[in-house]
Amino acid sequence: MGTQNLLWSFAKKCFTCGLVALTISDRHASIVPVRGVSMSPTFNPHSSSSMVSIDDRVLVEKFCLQKYQFFHGDVVVFCSPSDHKEKHVKRIVALPGDWMSSPYSDDGQRVPEGHCWVEGDNLASSMDSRSFGSVCYPSLILVSVNRGYSHL
C-alpha cells in the first residue's frame, strides 16, 4: 500500500513537471541548435575550420510573438518555406516598407507589410530571402542574441 502511494506521488510530480516544461517551451522560451555555416562567424565559427561539427545552441524567446516587435539586426528562427520541419536561423536586414535588391533582378522590391527580409551572416553559404523571398512575421521567433544573450 505504501509503495503504491509513493509511485503514484512520483508519477503525479513527473507529469506536473512535464506539463510545466512543455508550457514554458511552447509559450515562453526554448533552446534551438544552429546547424551549418550560414550564420558564421556569429554562430558555428569553428565549423568551417574543423572536421568535427559541434552545433551552437541559442535561447529562443517567444514574448515578441504577441506584438511582432522585430528590429533590424535581430536574429530569428523560422520554418523553411519548402519543408516546415526544417528550421532556419537568420538575421533581419529589412522590415516592412524597406526596399531590397534581388540577385535575380535589376529591380528592387519592397518588403510587404507583415513580412521581413532575412539573410545569413555568411552570404556565400546562406539560403535566405535572396533565394525564397520575404518571410511572414507569424513564422518568426526571436533569438535572444541581440538582447544581451549570446551562446549557451
C-alpha atoms as a PDB file:
ATOM      1  CA  MET A   1       0.000   0.000   0.000  1.00  0.00           C
ATOM      2  CA  GLY A   2       2.812   2.428   0.890  1.00  0.00           C
ATOM      3  CA  THR A   3       4.758   1.627  -2.294  1.00  0.00           C
ATOM      4  CA  GLN A   4       1.696   2.265  -4.446  1.00  0.00           C
ATOM      5  CA  ASN A   5       1.170   5.707  -2.854  1.00  0.00           C
ATOM      6  CA  LEU A   6       4.853   6.521  -3.338  1.00  0.00           C
ATOM      7  CA  LEU A   7       4.736   5.535  -7.026  1.00  0.00           C
ATOM      8  CA  TRP A   8       1.501   7.483  -7.565  1.00  0.00           C
ATOM      9  CA  SER A   9       3.012  10.572  -5.908  1.00  0.00           C
ATOM     10  CA  PHE A  10       6.158  10.263  -8.064  1.00  0.00           C
ATOM     11  CA  ALA A  11       4.082   9.858 -11.260  1.00  0.00           C
ATOM     12  CA  LYS A  12       1.994  12.980 -10.436  1.00  0.00           C
ATOM     13  CA  LYS A  13       5.149  15.044  -9.824  1.00  0.00           C
ATOM     14  CA  CYS A  14       6.720  13.863 -13.101  1.00  0.00           C
ATOM     15  CA  PHE A  15       3.527  14.642 -15.015  1.00  0.00           C
ATOM     16  CA  THR A  16       3.287  18.108 -13.448  1.00  0.00           C
ATOM     17  CA  CYS A  17       6.946  18.892 -14.219  1.00  0.00           C
ATOM     18  CA  GLY A  18       6.454  17.695 -17.797  1.00  0.00           C
ATOM     19  CA  LEU A  19       3.422  19.961 -18.288  1.00  0.00           C
ATOM     20  CA  VAL A  20       5.280  22.960 -16.872  1.00  0.00           C
ATOM     21  CA  ALA A  21       8.318  22.291 -19.107  1.00  0.00           C
ATOM     22  CA  LEU A  22       6.104  21.851 -22.187  1.00  0.00           C
ATOM     23  CA  THR A  23       4.253  25.100 -21.468  1.00  0.00           C
ATOM     24  CA  ILE A  24       7.490  27.040 -20.994  1.00  0.00           C
ATOM     25  CA  SER A  25       8.946  25.581 -24.212  1.00  0.00           C
ATOM     26  CA  ASP A  26       5.780  26.264 -26.194  1.00  0.00           C
ATOM     27  CA  ARG A  27       4.877  29.717 -24.883  1.00  0.00           C
ATOM     28  CA  HIS A  28       7.971  31.411 -23.455  1.00  0.00           C
ATOM     29  CA  ALA A  29      11.409  30.081 -24.424  1.00  0.00           C
ATOM     30  CA  SER A  30      13.224  27.087 -25.860  1.00  0.00           C
ATOM     31  CA  ILE A  31      16.697  26.059 -26.994  1.00  0.00           C
ATOM     32  CA  VAL A  32      17.386  25.534 -30.712  1.00  0.00           C
ATOM     33  CA  PRO A  33      20.572  24.189 -32.360  1.00  0.00           C
ATOM     34  CA  VAL A  34      22.162  26.323 -35.097  1.00  0.00           C
ATOM     35  CA  ARG A  35      23.277  24.000 -37.890  1.00  0.00           C
ATOM     36  CA  GLY A  36      25.583  24.797 -40.787  1.00  0.00           C
ATOM     37  CA  VAL A  37      27.806  27.788 -41.510  1.00  0.00           C
ATOM     38  CA  SER A  38      25.237  30.257 -42.870  1.00  0.00           C
ATOM     39  CA  MET A  39      25.422  32.337 -39.666  1.00  0.00           C
ATOM     40  CA  SER A  40      29.201  32.058 -39.252  1.00  0.00           C
ATOM     41  CA  PRO A  41      31.100  33.781 -37.631  1.00  0.00           C
ATOM     42  CA  THR A  42      28.254  34.753 -35.250  1.00  0.00           C
ATOM     43  CA  PHE A  43      27.296  31.107 -34.735  1.00  0.00           C
ATOM     44  CA  ASN A  44      29.352  27.989 -35.504  1.00  0.00           C
ATOM     45  CA  PRO A  45      32.578  29.883 -36.304  1.00  0.00           C
ATOM     46  CA  HIS A  46      34.547  26.662 -35.801  1.00  0.00           C
ATOM     47  CA  SER A  47      32.521  24.596 -38.316  1.00  0.00           C
ATOM     48  CA  SER A  48      34.345  25.844 -41.397  1.00  0.00           C
ATOM     49  CA  SER A  49      37.800  25.177 -39.976  1.00  0.00           C
ATOM     50  CA  SER A  50      37.407  21.750 -38.391  1.00  0.00           C
ATOM     51  CA  MET A  51      36.158  18.350 -39.432  1.00  0.00           C
ATOM     52  CA  VAL A  52      34.157  17.914 -36.220  1.00  0.00           C
ATOM     53  CA  SER A  53      30.832  19.736 -36.283  1.00  0.00           C
ATOM     54  CA  ILE A  54      29.592  20.912 -32.895  1.00  0.00           C
ATOM     55  CA  ASP A  55      26.436  22.984 -33.275  1.00  0.00           C
ATOM     56  CA  ASP A  56      25.970  26.156 -31.259  1.00  0.00           C
ATOM     57  CA  ARG A  57      22.684  26.426 -29.411  1.00  0.00           C
ATOM     58  CA  VAL A  58      20.628  29.569 -28.893  1.00  0.00           C
ATOM     59  CA  LEU A  59      17.907  30.590 -26.484  1.00  0.00           C
ATOM     60  CA  VAL A  60      14.737  31.462 -28.380  1.00  0.00           C
ATOM     61  CA  GLU A  61      12.339  33.807 -26.584  1.00  0.00           C
ATOM     62  CA  LYS A  62       8.732  33.885 -27.724  1.00  0.00           C
ATOM     63  CA  PHE A  63       7.449  37.022 -25.950  1.00  0.00           C
ATOM     64  CA  CYS A  64       7.868  39.072 -29.150  1.00  0.00           C
ATOM     65  CA  LEU A  65       5.166  36.975 -30.831  1.00  0.00           C
ATOM     66  CA  GLN A  66       2.373  38.807 -29.022  1.00  0.00           C
ATOM     67  CA  LYS A  67       3.074  42.129 -30.765  1.00  0.00           C
ATOM     68  CA  TYR A  68       5.570  41.182 -33.511  1.00  0.00           C
ATOM     69  CA  GLN A  69       8.257  43.528 -32.237  1.00  0.00           C
ATOM     70  CA  PHE A  70      11.207  42.885 -34.529  1.00  0.00           C
ATOM     71  CA  PHE A  71      14.068  45.244 -35.376  1.00  0.00           C
ATOM     72  CA  HIS A  72      16.897  45.480 -37.935  1.00  0.00           C
ATOM     73  CA  GLY A  73      19.687  43.131 -36.873  1.00  0.00           C
ATOM     74  CA  ASP A  74      17.535  40.771 -34.791  1.00  0.00           C
ATOM     75  CA  VAL A  75      18.381  37.098 -35.209  1.00  0.00           C
ATOM     76  CA  VAL A  76      15.273  34.968 -35.778  1.00  0.00           C
ATOM     77  CA  VAL A  77      14.286  31.318 -36.181  1.00  0.00           C
ATOM     78  CA  PHE A  78      11.664  30.308 -38.743  1.00  0.00           C
ATOM     79  CA  CYS A  79      10.477  27.236 -40.614  1.00  0.00           C
ATOM     80  CA  SER A  80      11.783  26.637 -44.107  1.00  0.00           C
ATOM     81  CA  PRO A  81       9.318  27.644 -46.837  1.00  0.00           C
ATOM     82  CA  SER A  82       9.894  24.290 -48.574  1.00  0.00           C
ATOM     83  CA  ASP A  83       9.995  21.967 -45.508  1.00  0.00           C
ATOM     84  CA  HIS A  84       8.105  23.073 -42.402  1.00  0.00           C
ATOM     85  CA  LYS A  85      10.045  20.639 -40.202  1.00  0.00           C
ATOM     86  CA  GLU A  86      13.359  22.350 -41.023  1.00  0.00           C
ATOM     87  CA  LYS A  87      14.289  25.466 -39.047  1.00  0.00           C
ATOM     88  CA  HIS A  88      16.491  28.344 -40.261  1.00  0.00           C
ATOM     89  CA  VAL A  89      18.373  30.874 -38.134  1.00  0.00           C
ATOM     90  CA  LYS A  90      18.939  34.202 -39.946  1.00  0.00           C
ATOM     91  CA  ARG A  91      19.306  37.950 -39.295  1.00  0.00           C
ATOM     92  CA  ILE A  92      16.619  40.525 -40.176  1.00  0.00           C
ATOM     93  CA  VAL A  93      18.071  43.027 -42.661  1.00  0.00           C
ATOM     94  CA  ALA A  94      14.849  44.727 -43.818  1.00  0.00           C
ATOM     95  CA  LEU A  95      11.428  45.369 -42.306  1.00  0.00           C
ATOM     96  CA  PRO A  96       8.043  46.127 -43.925  1.00  0.00           C
ATOM     97  CA  GLY A  97       8.316  49.050 -46.340  1.00  0.00           C
ATOM     98  CA  ASP A  98      12.089  48.756 -46.844  1.00  0.00           C
ATOM     99  CA  TRP A  99      13.447  48.264 -50.362  1.00  0.00           C
ATOM    100  CA  MET A 100      15.744  45.307 -51.129  1.00  0.00           C
ATOM    101  CA  SER A 101      17.559  44.324 -54.293  1.00  0.00           C
ATOM    102  CA  SER A 102      17.351  40.794 -55.582  1.00  0.00           C
ATOM    103  CA  PRO A 103      20.287  38.997 -57.217  1.00  0.00           C
ATOM    104  CA  TYR A 104      17.902  37.671 -59.881  1.00  0.00           C
ATOM    105  CA  SER A 105      16.523  41.040 -60.962  1.00  0.00           C
ATOM    106  CA  ASP A 106      17.779  44.552 -61.652  1.00  0.00           C
ATOM    107  CA  ASP A 107      14.714  45.984 -59.939  1.00  0.00           C
ATOM    108  CA  GLY A 108      14.402  46.413 -56.203  1.00  0.00           C
ATOM    109  CA  GLN A 109      11.463  45.008 -54.342  1.00  0.00           C
ATOM    110  CA  ARG A 110       9.614  46.410 -51.396  1.00  0.00           C
ATOM    111  CA  VAL A 111       9.178  44.212 -48.319  1.00  0.00           C
ATOM    112  CA  PRO A 112       5.392  43.806 -47.871  1.00  0.00           C
ATOM    113  CA  GLU A 113       3.525  44.558 -44.644  1.00  0.00           C
ATOM    114  CA  GLY A 114       3.705  41.677 -42.177  1.00  0.00           C
ATOM    115  CA  HIS A 115       6.958  40.386 -43.715  1.00  0.00           C
ATOM    116  CA  CYS A 116      10.686  40.921 -43.301  1.00  0.00           C
ATOM    117  CA  TRP A 117      13.832  40.193 -45.313  1.00  0.00           C
ATOM    118  CA  VAL A 118      16.301  37.771 -43.667  1.00  0.00           C
ATOM    119  CA  GLU A 119      19.877  36.897 -44.594  1.00  0.00           C
ATOM    120  CA  GLY A 120      22.621  34.785 -43.089  1.00  0.00           C
ATOM    121  CA  ASP A 121      25.815  36.410 -41.822  1.00  0.00           C
ATOM    122  CA  ASN A 122      27.837  34.227 -44.216  1.00  0.00           C
ATOM    123  CA  LEU A 123      26.236  35.305 -47.507  1.00  0.00           C
ATOM    124  CA  ALA A 124      28.273  32.842 -49.591  1.00  0.00           C
ATOM    125  CA  SER A 125      26.786  29.851 -47.703  1.00  0.00           C
ATOM    126  CA  SER A 126      23.301  31.031 -46.853  1.00  0.00           C
ATOM    127  CA  MET A 127      19.929  30.087 -48.260  1.00  0.00           C
ATOM    128  CA  ASP A 128      17.819  33.061 -47.239  1.00  0.00           C
ATOM    129  CA  SER A 129      15.413  35.719 -48.567  1.00  0.00           C
ATOM    130  CA  ARG A 130      17.653  36.157 -51.600  1.00  0.00           C
ATOM    131  CA  SER A 131      16.534  32.616 -52.526  1.00  0.00           C
ATOM    132  CA  PHE A 132      12.946  32.380 -51.279  1.00  0.00           C
ATOM    133  CA  GLY A 133      11.815  35.984 -50.751  1.00  0.00           C
ATOM    134  CA  SER A 134      10.492  37.736 -47.672  1.00  0.00           C
ATOM    135  CA  VAL A 135       9.325  35.812 -44.609  1.00  0.00           C
ATOM    136  CA  CYS A 136       5.978  36.497 -42.906  1.00  0.00           C
ATOM    137  CA  TYR A 137       6.008  37.587 -39.264  1.00  0.00           C
ATOM    138  CA  PRO A 138       3.837  34.762 -37.875  1.00  0.00           C
ATOM    139  CA  SER A 139       6.554  32.246 -38.783  1.00  0.00           C
ATOM    140  CA  LEU A 140       9.332  34.133 -36.914  1.00  0.00           C
ATOM    141  CA  ILE A 141      10.627  33.567 -33.379  1.00  0.00           C
ATOM    142  CA  LEU A 142      13.257  35.870 -31.894  1.00  0.00           C
ATOM    143  CA  VAL A 143      16.666  34.553 -30.832  1.00  0.00           C
ATOM    144  CA  SER A 144      17.844  36.329 -27.687  1.00  0.00           C
ATOM    145  CA  VAL A 145      21.350  37.058 -29.003  1.00  0.00           C
ATOM    146  CA  ASN A 146      20.760  40.775 -29.599  1.00  0.00           C
ATOM    147  CA  ARG A 147      19.151  41.344 -26.258  1.00  0.00           C
ATOM    148  CA  GLY A 148      22.164  40.575 -24.078  1.00  0.00           C
ATOM    149  CA  TYR A 149      22.343  36.811 -24.566  1.00  0.00           C
ATOM    150  CA  SER A 150      24.710  35.020 -26.897  1.00  0.00           C
ATOM    151  CA  HIS A 151      25.654  31.336 -26.801  1.00  0.00           C
ATOM    152  CA  LEU A 152      24.676  28.582 -24.384  1.00  0.00           C
END
